Amino acid sequence: MIQIKTEILEEKANACVLLHDCIAELKEGIDLWIDEGAETLVPLLNFYQHAEIRIAAALAMPEILKS
């Protein structure tokens, strides 16, 4: 039986939301770390095990592109 630990997935989704919020608030101040943020979030756009993770990653994309 395959069992998914939803607590870990929820933490990952929360981390994506937090990263989005940081990028949105810091704007140009996050330029040095935007590549790392993109490298973290882009693969999560295809994370089919948890919709909230995909949504949070997708919501962060416009902020990354603005930076």
C-alpha atoms as a PDB file:
ATOM      1  CA  MET A   1       0.000   0.000   0.000  1.00  0.00           C
ATOM      2  CA  ILE A   2       1.293   3.446  -0.907  1.00  0.00           C
ATOM      3  CA  GLN A   3       0.730   6.034   1.760  1.00  0.00           C
ATOM      4  CA  ILE A   4       1.368   9.742   1.351  1.00  0.00           C
ATOM      5  CA  LYS A   5       2.279  11.736   4.419  1.00  0.00           C
ATOM      6  CA  THR A   6       0.012  14.719   3.977  1.00  0.00           C
ATOM      7  CA  GLU A   7       1.715  16.705   6.730  1.00  0.00           C
ATOM      8  CA  ILE A   8       4.899  16.885   4.665  1.00  0.00           C
ATOM      9  CA  LEU A   9       2.930  17.913   1.582  1.00  0.00           C
ATOM     10  CA  GLU A  10       1.132  20.627   3.556  1.00  0.00           C
ATOM     11  CA  GLU A  11       4.498  21.957   4.771  1.00  0.00           C
ATOM     12  CA  LYS A  12       5.756  22.042   1.185  1.00  0.00           C
ATOM     13  CA  ALA A  13       2.629  23.924   0.083  1.00  0.00           C
ATOM     14  CA  ASN A  14       3.058  26.396   2.952  1.00  0.00           C
ATOM     15  CA  ALA A  15       6.702  26.906   1.988  1.00  0.00           C
ATOM     16  CA  CYS A  16       5.637  27.709  -1.588  1.00  0.00           C
ATOM     17  CA  VAL A  17       3.115  30.251  -0.330  1.00  0.00           C
ATOM     18  CA  LEU A  18       5.754  31.808   1.926  1.00  0.00           C
ATOM     19  CA  LEU A  19       8.232  32.002  -0.940  1.00  0.00           C
ATOM     20  CA  HIS A  20       5.578  33.693  -3.087  1.00  0.00           C
ATOM     21  CA  ASP A  21       4.861  36.202  -0.320  1.00  0.00           C
ATOM     22  CA  CYS A  22       8.564  36.970   0.142  1.00  0.00           C
ATOM     23  CA  ILE A  23       9.065  37.523  -3.578  1.00  0.00           C
ATOM     24  CA  ALA A  24       5.976  39.749  -3.765  1.00  0.00           C
ATOM     25  CA  GLU A  25       7.025  41.859  -0.779  1.00  0.00           C
ATOM     26  CA  LEU A  26      10.742  42.190  -1.451  1.00  0.00           C
ATOM     27  CA  LYS A  27      10.398  42.786  -5.217  1.00  0.00           C
ATOM     28  CA  GLU A  28      13.790  44.087  -6.415  1.00  0.00           C
ATOM     29  CA  GLY A  29      15.355  43.230  -3.056  1.00  0.00           C
ATOM     30  CA  ILE A  30      15.192  39.548  -3.896  1.00  0.00           C
ATOM     31  CA  ASP A  31      17.043  39.804  -7.215  1.00  0.00           C
ATOM     32  CA  LEU A  32      20.060  37.914  -5.880  1.00  0.00           C
ATOM     33  CA  TRP A  33      17.917  34.886  -4.997  1.00  0.00           C
ATOM     34  CA  ILE A  34      15.377  34.892  -7.817  1.00  0.00           C
ATOM     35  CA  ASP A  35      17.202  32.133  -9.726  1.00  0.00           C
ATOM     36  CA  GLU A  36      17.097  29.830  -6.703  1.00  0.00           C
ATOM     37  CA  GLY A  37      13.429  30.630  -6.175  1.00  0.00           C
ATOM     38  CA  ALA A  38      12.636  29.808  -9.789  1.00  0.00           C
ATOM     39  CA  GLU A  39      14.692  26.596  -9.650  1.00  0.00           C
ATOM     40  CA  THR A  40      12.672  25.548  -6.612  1.00  0.00           C
ATOM     41  CA  LEU A  41       9.215  26.492  -7.867  1.00  0.00           C
ATOM     42  CA  VAL A  42       9.275  25.590 -11.570  1.00  0.00           C
ATOM     43  CA  PRO A  43       9.517  21.800 -11.001  1.00  0.00           C
ATOM     44  CA  LEU A  44       6.612  22.052  -8.559  1.00  0.00           C
ATOM     45  CA  LEU A  45       4.322  23.206 -11.375  1.00  0.00           C
ATOM     46  CA  ASN A  46       4.169  19.514 -12.347  1.00  0.00           C
ATOM     47  CA  PHE A  47       3.878  18.116  -8.803  1.00  0.00           C
ATOM     48  CA  TYR A  48       0.791  15.983  -9.358  1.00  0.00           C
ATOM     49  CA  GLN A  49       0.594  14.546  -5.846  1.00  0.00           C
ATOM     50  CA  HIS A  50      -0.766  17.746  -4.305  1.00  0.00           C
ATOM     51  CA  ALA A  51      -2.852  20.438  -6.010  1.00  0.00           C
ATOM     52  CA  GLU A  52      -2.087  23.135  -3.424  1.00  0.00           C
ATOM     53  CA  ILE A  53       1.625  22.858  -4.180  1.00  0.00           C
ATOM     54  CA  ARG A  54       1.004  23.295  -7.916  1.00  0.00           C
ATOM     55  CA  ILE A  55      -1.302  26.246  -7.279  1.00  0.00           C
ATOM     56  CA  ALA A  56       1.152  27.966  -4.920  1.00  0.00           C
ATOM     57  CA  ALA A  57       3.996  27.479  -7.399  1.00  0.00           C
ATOM     58  CA  ALA A  58       1.849  28.817 -10.248  1.00  0.00           C
ATOM     59  CA  LEU A  59       0.806  31.866  -8.229  1.00  0.00           C
ATOM     60  CA  ALA A  60       4.455  32.693  -7.578  1.00  0.00           C
ATOM     61  CA  MET A  61       5.403  32.647 -11.268  1.00  0.00           C
ATOM     62  CA  PRO A  62       4.122  36.168 -12.117  1.00  0.00           C
ATOM     63  CA  GLU A  63       6.078  37.587  -9.186  1.00  0.00           C
ATOM     64  CA  ILE A  64       9.231  35.789 -10.313  1.00  0.00           C
ATOM     65  CA  LEU A  65       8.807  37.076 -13.856  1.00  0.00           C
ATOM     66  CA  LYS A  66       8.337  40.648 -12.590  1.00  0.00           C
ATOM     67  CA  SER A  67      11.597  40.489 -10.614  1.00  0.00           C
END
